[in-house]
Amino acid sequence: MRRLLPLLALALAAAAPLAAAPADAPAAFSADGLTAACTRDLAAHFNLEGNLQLEIIRPWTPDRPIAAGWTMDIIEYPTIPASTMLVRCEVKDAAGSQVATLILHAALWRDGWAVHLPVEGGSTFDVSRLETRRCDFLRERDVLPATEGDDSYMFARALPVGRLLTWRDISRHPLVKKGDLIEVTAAEGLLHITMKVLALQSGVKGDTITVRNTESNKDFSALITDRNHVQVQF
């Protein structure tokens, strides 16, 4: 009988229902929690890429204690994201809502391009001559993100080693150059006519430039669609 008691106890324990795991407790209000909520809201509102970091410059003191399970909504946004921003937000809990005005210091960290090897003006964009560098894009607003740049671009000027690459330092390769004899396609419904014209302007894909019919000597506008090719739609 004594030998059976331990076995009976194990069987009863196995048959007993497992206790439910306690649910996560609602988050208590804190300055860090408020900062994190502002970070998520601003990043989503401005559709920011990168790691947004915020710091509340002047701590906010609620009029009364805020209960756990609170929520926050920004009700007045700045016009653009900046290193220093003023926002008004509404903090709600079970007892009601309170409005807070916050001054935020912000940084948006992401990778940008920097010159690793000297580049020559007019040469094709080449990532092998560049390296990535972590930058605050709210301070270095014109830096070229490391997600941008391909062989459709060229370096607009010579650049020394160590310089951060900006949008001003690159330009699109022109698909049409002024003075070149290029092809134009005129389309109307199913009818397509192709002829040679003289480009009076340079441009990249999507640009509308002026071209000249060399036979009639008449000028007209056409849309650049490819290298040395433009199109006119009637």
C-alpha atoms as a PDB file:
ATOM      1  CA  MET A   1       0.000   0.000   0.000  1.00  0.00           C
ATOM      2  CA  ARG A   2       2.802   2.399   0.913  1.00  0.00           C
ATOM      3  CA  ARG A   3       4.420   1.731  -2.456  1.00  0.00           C
ATOM      4  CA  LEU A   4       1.207   2.788  -4.215  1.00  0.00           C
ATOM      5  CA  LEU A   5       0.893   6.177  -2.485  1.00  0.00           C
ATOM      6  CA  PRO A   6       3.680   7.951  -4.429  1.00  0.00           C
ATOM      7  CA  LEU A   7       2.292   6.616  -7.717  1.00  0.00           C
ATOM      8  CA  LEU A   8      -1.222   7.801  -6.776  1.00  0.00           C
ATOM      9  CA  ALA A   9       0.106  11.275  -5.944  1.00  0.00           C
ATOM     10  CA  LEU A  10       1.859  11.536  -9.337  1.00  0.00           C
ATOM     11  CA  ALA A  11      -1.305  10.479 -11.150  1.00  0.00           C
ATOM     12  CA  LEU A  12      -3.399  13.100  -9.347  1.00  0.00           C
ATOM     13  CA  ALA A  13      -0.834  15.783 -10.124  1.00  0.00           C
ATOM     14  CA  ALA A  14      -0.866  14.881 -13.807  1.00  0.00           C
ATOM     15  CA  ALA A  15      -4.660  14.983 -13.912  1.00  0.00           C
ATOM     16  CA  ALA A  16      -4.899  18.417 -12.254  1.00  0.00           C
ATOM     17  CA  PRO A  17      -5.398  21.319 -14.722  1.00  0.00           C
ATOM     18  CA  LEU A  18      -2.406  23.568 -15.275  1.00  0.00           C
ATOM     19  CA  ALA A  19      -2.687  27.029 -13.735  1.00  0.00           C
ATOM     20  CA  ALA A  20      -3.141  29.773 -16.310  1.00  0.00           C
ATOM     21  CA  ALA A  21      -0.076  31.936 -16.897  1.00  0.00           C
ATOM     22  CA  PRO A  22      -0.628  35.413 -15.545  1.00  0.00           C
ATOM     23  CA  ALA A  23      -1.345  38.004 -18.236  1.00  0.00           C
ATOM     24  CA  ASP A  24       1.193  40.767 -18.782  1.00  0.00           C
ATOM     25  CA  ALA A  25       0.479  43.627 -16.423  1.00  0.00           C
ATOM     26  CA  PRO A  26      -0.364  46.995 -18.042  1.00  0.00           C
ATOM     27  CA  ALA A  27       2.676  49.206 -18.359  1.00  0.00           C
ATOM     28  CA  ALA A  28       3.150  51.802 -15.633  1.00  0.00           C
ATOM     29  CA  PHE A  29       3.669  55.402 -16.756  1.00  0.00           C
ATOM     30  CA  SER A  30       7.294  56.543 -17.031  1.00  0.00           C
ATOM     31  CA  ALA A  31       9.358  59.138 -18.860  1.00  0.00           C
ATOM     32  CA  ASP A  32      11.046  56.360 -20.851  1.00  0.00           C
ATOM     33  CA  GLY A  33       7.662  54.970 -21.840  1.00  0.00           C
ATOM     34  CA  LEU A  34       6.496  58.415 -22.976  1.00  0.00           C
ATOM     35  CA  THR A  35       9.677  58.886 -25.025  1.00  0.00           C
ATOM     36  CA  ALA A  36       9.230  55.482 -26.667  1.00  0.00           C
ATOM     37  CA  ALA A  37       5.594  56.276 -27.539  1.00  0.00           C
ATOM     38  CA  CYS A  38       6.607  59.610 -29.093  1.00  0.00           C
ATOM     39  CA  THR A  39       9.353  57.866 -31.076  1.00  0.00           C
ATOM     40  CA  ARG A  40       6.945  55.337 -32.562  1.00  0.00           C
ATOM     41  CA  ASP A  41       4.341  57.986 -33.384  1.00  0.00           C
ATOM     42  CA  LEU A  42       6.759  60.424 -35.062  1.00  0.00           C
ATOM     43  CA  ALA A  43       8.552  57.705 -37.036  1.00  0.00           C
ATOM     44  CA  ALA A  44       5.220  56.482 -38.416  1.00  0.00           C
ATOM     45  CA  HIS A  45       3.834  59.987 -39.069  1.00  0.00           C
ATOM     46  CA  PHE A  46       6.858  61.124 -41.094  1.00  0.00           C
ATOM     47  CA  ASN A  47       7.564  57.653 -42.549  1.00  0.00           C
ATOM     48  CA  LEU A  48      11.165  57.883 -41.363  1.00  0.00           C
ATOM     49  CA  GLU A  49      13.837  55.381 -42.401  1.00  0.00           C
ATOM     50  CA  GLY A  50      16.579  54.653 -39.894  1.00  0.00           C
ATOM     51  CA  ASN A  51      16.857  54.644 -36.121  1.00  0.00           C
ATOM     52  CA  LEU A  52      15.020  57.622 -34.603  1.00  0.00           C
ATOM     53  CA  GLN A  53      16.239  58.544 -31.113  1.00  0.00           C
ATOM     54  CA  LEU A  54      14.443  61.103 -28.948  1.00  0.00           C
ATOM     55  CA  GLU A  55      15.202  62.818 -25.670  1.00  0.00           C
ATOM     56  CA  ILE A  56      12.685  64.915 -23.759  1.00  0.00           C
ATOM     57  CA  ILE A  57      14.576  68.101 -22.949  1.00  0.00           C
ATOM     58  CA  ARG A  58      12.219  69.296 -20.226  1.00  0.00           C
ATOM     59  CA  PRO A  59      10.596  66.484 -18.202  1.00  0.00           C
ATOM     60  CA  TRP A  60       6.815  66.624 -18.113  1.00  0.00           C
ATOM     61  CA  THR A  61       5.067  66.498 -14.727  1.00  0.00           C
ATOM     62  CA  PRO A  62       1.433  65.283 -14.936  1.00  0.00           C
ATOM     63  CA  ASP A  63      -1.266  67.112 -12.969  1.00  0.00           C
ATOM     64  CA  ARG A  64      -2.114  63.826 -11.268  1.00  0.00           C
ATOM     65  CA  PRO A  65      -0.688  60.302 -11.181  1.00  0.00           C
ATOM     66  CA  ILE A  66      -1.284  58.388 -14.408  1.00  0.00           C
ATOM     67  CA  ALA A  67      -2.637  54.864 -14.041  1.00  0.00           C
ATOM     68  CA  ALA A  68      -1.088  51.826 -15.680  1.00  0.00           C
ATOM     69  CA  GLY A  69      -2.428  50.982 -19.117  1.00  0.00           C
ATOM     70  CA  TRP A  70      -2.101  54.562 -20.369  1.00  0.00           C
ATOM     71  CA  THR A  71      -1.925  55.558 -24.038  1.00  0.00           C
ATOM     72  CA  MET A  72      -0.468  58.542 -25.867  1.00  0.00           C
ATOM     73  CA  ASP A  73      -1.422  60.328 -29.092  1.00  0.00           C
ATOM     74  CA  ILE A  74       0.383  63.292 -30.626  1.00  0.00           C
ATOM     75  CA  ILE A  75      -2.231  65.937 -31.457  1.00  0.00           C
ATOM     76  CA  GLU A  76       0.090  68.627 -32.892  1.00  0.00           C
ATOM     77  CA  TYR A  77       3.085  67.664 -35.031  1.00  0.00           C
ATOM     78  CA  PRO A  78       6.011  69.803 -36.201  1.00  0.00           C
ATOM     79  CA  THR A  79       5.984  70.720 -39.896  1.00  0.00           C
ATOM     80  CA  ILE A  80       9.083  68.628 -40.623  1.00  0.00           C
ATOM     81  CA  PRO A  81      11.284  66.360 -38.508  1.00  0.00           C
ATOM     82  CA  ALA A  82      14.188  68.316 -37.028  1.00  0.00           C
ATOM     83  CA  SER A  83      16.917  68.082 -34.399  1.00  0.00           C
ATOM     84  CA  THR A  84      14.686  70.023 -31.999  1.00  0.00           C
ATOM     85  CA  MET A  85      10.917  69.574 -32.163  1.00  0.00           C
ATOM     86  CA  LEU A  86       7.914  70.854 -30.236  1.00  0.00           C
ATOM     87  CA  VAL A  87       4.955  68.468 -29.985  1.00  0.00           C
ATOM     88  CA  ARG A  88       1.668  68.445 -28.096  1.00  0.00           C
ATOM     89  CA  CYS A  89       0.357  65.078 -27.050  1.00  0.00           C
ATOM     90  CA  GLU A  90      -2.597  63.675 -25.161  1.00  0.00           C
ATOM     91  CA  VAL A  91      -1.978  61.088 -22.466  1.00  0.00           C
ATOM     92  CA  LYS A  92      -5.017  59.012 -21.538  1.00  0.00           C
ATOM     93  CA  ASP A  93      -5.754  56.605 -18.727  1.00  0.00           C
ATOM     94  CA  ALA A  94      -8.903  55.261 -17.079  1.00  0.00           C
ATOM     95  CA  ALA A  95      -9.415  58.538 -15.196  1.00  0.00           C
ATOM     96  CA  GLY A  96      -9.308  60.799 -18.249  1.00  0.00           C
ATOM     97  CA  SER A  97      -6.729  62.625 -20.352  1.00  0.00           C
ATOM     98  CA  GLN A  98      -3.995  65.200 -19.904  1.00  0.00           C
ATOM     99  CA  VAL A  99      -2.267  67.304 -22.551  1.00  0.00           C
ATOM    100  CA  ALA A 100       1.504  67.603 -22.515  1.00  0.00           C
ATOM    101  CA  THR A 101       3.716  69.995 -24.475  1.00  0.00           C
ATOM    102  CA  LEU A 102       7.127  68.440 -25.040  1.00  0.00           C
ATOM    103  CA  ILE A 103      10.393  69.806 -26.403  1.00  0.00           C
ATOM    104  CA  LEU A 104      12.299  66.937 -27.994  1.00  0.00           C
ATOM    105  CA  HIS A 105      15.899  66.553 -29.069  1.00  0.00           C
ATOM    106  CA  ALA A 106      16.019  64.140 -32.017  1.00  0.00           C
ATOM    107  CA  ALA A 107      18.573  62.213 -34.041  1.00  0.00           C
ATOM    108  CA  LEU A 108      17.890  59.976 -37.037  1.00  0.00           C
ATOM    109  CA  TRP A 109      20.711  57.494 -37.502  1.00  0.00           C
ATOM    110  CA  ARG A 110      21.200  55.672 -40.804  1.00  0.00           C
ATOM    111  CA  ASP A 111      24.023  54.805 -43.200  1.00  0.00           C
ATOM    112  CA  GLY A 112      25.189  57.373 -45.737  1.00  0.00           C
ATOM    113  CA  TRP A 113      27.907  57.309 -48.387  1.00  0.00           C
ATOM    114  CA  ALA A 114      31.396  58.712 -47.749  1.00  0.00           C
ATOM    115  CA  VAL A 115      34.320  58.886 -50.175  1.00  0.00           C
ATOM    116  CA  HIS A 116      36.809  56.046 -49.619  1.00  0.00           C
ATOM    117  CA  LEU A 117      38.953  56.572 -52.720  1.00  0.00           C
ATOM    118  CA  PRO A 118      39.283  59.825 -54.710  1.00  0.00           C
ATOM    119  CA  VAL A 119      36.645  60.243 -57.425  1.00  0.00           C
ATOM    120  CA  GLU A 120      36.815  62.232 -60.643  1.00  0.00           C
ATOM    121  CA  GLY A 121      34.112  64.594 -61.801  1.00  0.00           C
ATOM    122  CA  GLY A 122      32.056  63.147 -64.652  1.00  0.00           C
ATOM    123  CA  SER A 123      32.881  59.520 -63.790  1.00  0.00           C
ATOM    124  CA  THR A 124      30.117  56.960 -63.320  1.00  0.00           C
ATOM    125  CA  PHE A 125      28.823  56.414 -59.775  1.00  0.00           C
ATOM    126  CA  ASP A 126      30.950  53.581 -58.339  1.00  0.00           C
ATOM    127  CA  VAL A 127      30.293  52.144 -54.873  1.00  0.00           C
ATOM    128  CA  SER A 128      33.762  50.549 -54.832  1.00  0.00           C
ATOM    129  CA  ARG A 129      35.161  54.060 -54.300  1.00  0.00           C
ATOM    130  CA  LEU A 130      32.798  54.711 -51.394  1.00  0.00           C
ATOM    131  CA  GLU A 131      32.171  53.438 -47.881  1.00  0.00           C
ATOM    132  CA  THR A 132      29.211  53.636 -45.527  1.00  0.00           C
ATOM    133  CA  ARG A 133      29.222  55.937 -42.531  1.00  0.00           C
ATOM    134  CA  ARG A 134      26.625  56.242 -39.774  1.00  0.00           C
ATOM    135  CA  CYS A 135      25.142  59.744 -39.856  1.00  0.00           C
ATOM    136  CA  ASP A 136      22.482  61.778 -38.117  1.00  0.00           C
ATOM    137  CA  PHE A 137      20.253  62.644 -41.076  1.00  0.00           C
ATOM    138  CA  LEU A 138      18.493  65.392 -39.138  1.00  0.00           C
ATOM    139  CA  ARG A 139      21.781  67.291 -38.975  1.00  0.00           C
ATOM    140  CA  GLU A 140      23.362  66.078 -42.228  1.00  0.00           C
ATOM    141  CA  ARG A 141      20.194  66.575 -44.270  1.00  0.00           C
ATOM    142  CA  ASP A 142      21.802  66.500 -47.714  1.00  0.00           C
ATOM    143  CA  VAL A 143      23.865  63.326 -47.255  1.00  0.00           C
ATOM    144  CA  LEU A 144      23.187  60.619 -49.845  1.00  0.00           C
ATOM    145  CA  PRO A 145      21.715  57.529 -48.116  1.00  0.00           C
ATOM    146  CA  ALA A 146      23.585  54.280 -48.709  1.00  0.00           C
ATOM    147  CA  THR A 147      20.376  52.882 -50.228  1.00  0.00           C
ATOM    148  CA  GLU A 148      20.660  55.338 -53.133  1.00  0.00           C
ATOM    149  CA  GLY A 149      22.988  55.480 -56.123  1.00  0.00           C
ATOM    150  CA  ASP A 150      23.587  53.272 -59.187  1.00  0.00           C
ATOM    151  CA  ASP A 151      25.257  53.479 -62.596  1.00  0.00           C
ATOM    152  CA  SER A 152      22.518  55.783 -63.890  1.00  0.00           C
ATOM    153  CA  TYR A 153      24.260  58.506 -61.836  1.00  0.00           C
ATOM    154  CA  MET A 154      27.645  60.141 -62.238  1.00  0.00           C
ATOM    155  CA  PHE A 155      29.830  62.163 -59.902  1.00  0.00           C
ATOM    156  CA  ALA A 156      29.187  65.848 -60.589  1.00  0.00           C
ATOM    157  CA  ARG A 157      32.596  66.967 -59.297  1.00  0.00           C
ATOM    158  CA  ALA A 158      35.914  65.638 -58.039  1.00  0.00           C
ATOM    159  CA  LEU A 159      35.721  64.623 -54.373  1.00  0.00           C
ATOM    160  CA  PRO A 160      38.460  64.053 -51.777  1.00  0.00           C
ATOM    161  CA  VAL A 161      38.772  61.054 -49.462  1.00  0.00           C
ATOM    162  CA  GLY A 162      36.731  61.259 -46.272  1.00  0.00           C
ATOM    163  CA  ARG A 163      34.043  63.610 -47.542  1.00  0.00           C
ATOM    164  CA  LEU A 164      30.401  62.747 -46.996  1.00  0.00           C
ATOM    165  CA  LEU A 165      28.639  62.376 -50.342  1.00  0.00           C
ATOM    166  CA  THR A 166      25.640  64.669 -50.839  1.00  0.00           C
ATOM    167  CA  TRP A 167      22.882  64.871 -53.426  1.00  0.00           C
ATOM    168  CA  ARG A 168      24.684  67.900 -54.910  1.00  0.00           C
ATOM    169  CA  ASP A 169      27.720  65.712 -55.635  1.00  0.00           C
ATOM    170  CA  ILE A 170      25.896  63.436 -58.085  1.00  0.00           C
ATOM    171  CA  SER A 171      23.726  63.909 -61.156  1.00  0.00           C
ATOM    172  CA  ARG A 172      21.919  61.710 -63.633  1.00  0.00           C
ATOM    173  CA  HIS A 173      23.722  60.578 -66.769  1.00  0.00           C
ATOM    174  CA  PRO A 174      22.082  62.520 -69.608  1.00  0.00           C
ATOM    175  CA  LEU A 175      20.349  60.138 -72.017  1.00  0.00           C
ATOM    176  CA  VAL A 176      20.185  62.880 -74.650  1.00  0.00           C
ATOM    177  CA  LYS A 177      22.885  65.473 -75.264  1.00  0.00           C
ATOM    178  CA  LYS A 178      22.455  68.842 -76.927  1.00  0.00           C
ATOM    179  CA  GLY A 179      23.579  68.794 -80.545  1.00  0.00           C
ATOM    180  CA  ASP A 180      23.132  65.035 -81.018  1.00  0.00           C
ATOM    181  CA  LEU A 181      21.033  63.579 -83.824  1.00  0.00           C
ATOM    182  CA  ILE A 182      18.446  61.424 -82.054  1.00  0.00           C
ATOM    183  CA  GLU A 183      15.360  59.380 -82.837  1.00  0.00           C
ATOM    184  CA  VAL A 184      11.817  60.569 -82.213  1.00  0.00           C
ATOM    185  CA  THR A 185       8.700  58.425 -82.246  1.00  0.00           C
ATOM    186  CA  ALA A 186       5.367  60.096 -82.903  1.00  0.00           C
ATOM    187  CA  ALA A 187       2.409  58.038 -81.706  1.00  0.00           C
ATOM    188  CA  GLU A 188      -1.311  58.416 -82.326  1.00  0.00           C
ATOM    189  CA  GLY A 189      -3.391  55.356 -81.465  1.00  0.00           C
ATOM    190  CA  LEU A 190      -1.886  52.369 -83.310  1.00  0.00           C
ATOM    191  CA  LEU A 191       0.058  54.610 -85.695  1.00  0.00           C
ATOM    192  CA  HIS A 192       3.763  55.108 -84.944  1.00  0.00           C
ATOM    193  CA  ILE A 193       6.128  57.247 -87.041  1.00  0.00           C
ATOM    194  CA  THR A 194       9.881  57.347 -86.400  1.00  0.00           C
ATOM    195  CA  MET A 195      12.314  59.953 -87.706  1.00  0.00           C
ATOM    196  CA  LYS A 196      15.617  61.660 -86.894  1.00  0.00           C
ATOM    197  CA  VAL A 197      15.686  65.063 -85.147  1.00  0.00           C
ATOM    198  CA  LEU A 198      18.299  67.370 -83.654  1.00  0.00           C
ATOM    199  CA  ALA A 199      18.364  67.705 -79.849  1.00  0.00           C
ATOM    200  CA  LEU A 200      18.460  71.371 -78.834  1.00  0.00           C
ATOM    201  CA  GLN A 201      18.778  70.501 -75.122  1.00  0.00           C
ATOM    202  CA  SER A 202      20.332  67.813 -72.928  1.00  0.00           C
ATOM    203  CA  GLY A 203      18.216  65.823 -70.495  1.00  0.00           C
ATOM    204  CA  VAL A 204      17.601  62.666 -68.485  1.00  0.00           C
ATOM    205  CA  LYS A 205      14.773  60.163 -68.680  1.00  0.00           C
ATOM    206  CA  GLY A 206      11.419  61.842 -68.095  1.00  0.00           C
ATOM    207  CA  ASP A 207      12.594  65.305 -69.148  1.00  0.00           C
ATOM    208  CA  THR A 208      10.763  67.219 -71.867  1.00  0.00           C
ATOM    209  CA  ILE A 209      13.226  68.870 -74.242  1.00  0.00           C
ATOM    210  CA  THR A 210      13.088  70.892 -77.448  1.00  0.00           C
ATOM    211  CA  VAL A 211      14.089  69.119 -80.673  1.00  0.00           C
ATOM    212  CA  ARG A 212      14.254  70.279 -84.310  1.00  0.00           C
ATOM    213  CA  ASN A 213      13.026  68.601 -87.460  1.00  0.00           C
ATOM    214  CA  THR A 214      16.078  69.031 -89.693  1.00  0.00           C
ATOM    215  CA  GLU A 215      14.013  68.822 -92.889  1.00  0.00           C
ATOM    216  CA  SER A 216      11.311  71.396 -92.033  1.00  0.00           C
ATOM    217  CA  ASN A 217      13.487  73.320 -89.541  1.00  0.00           C
ATOM    218  CA  LYS A 218      10.542  73.362 -87.098  1.00  0.00           C
ATOM    219  CA  ASP A 219      11.051  72.999 -83.336  1.00  0.00           C
ATOM    220  CA  PHE A 220       8.792  71.009 -81.011  1.00  0.00           C
ATOM    221  CA  SER A 221       8.838  69.429 -77.556  1.00  0.00           C
ATOM    222  CA  ALA A 222       9.370  65.722 -76.907  1.00  0.00           C
ATOM    223  CA  LEU A 223       9.694  63.439 -73.890  1.00  0.00           C
ATOM    224  CA  ILE A 224      12.947  61.540 -73.269  1.00  0.00           C
ATOM    225  CA  THR A 225      12.159  57.826 -72.950  1.00  0.00           C
ATOM    226  CA  ASP A 226      15.567  56.175 -73.513  1.00  0.00           C
ATOM    227  CA  ARG A 227      19.122  56.868 -74.646  1.00  0.00           C
ATOM    228  CA  ASN A 228      19.007  59.035 -77.766  1.00  0.00           C
ATOM    229  CA  HIS A 229      15.272  58.504 -78.045  1.00  0.00           C
ATOM    230  CA  VAL A 230      12.318  60.831 -77.463  1.00  0.00           C
ATOM    231  CA  GLN A 231       8.595  60.501 -77.974  1.00  0.00           C
ATOM    232  CA  VAL A 232       5.746  62.756 -79.016  1.00  0.00           C
ATOM    233  CA  GLN A 233       2.158  61.862 -78.183  1.00  0.00           C
ATOM    234  CA  PHE A 234      -0.569  63.380 -80.352  1.00  0.00           C
END
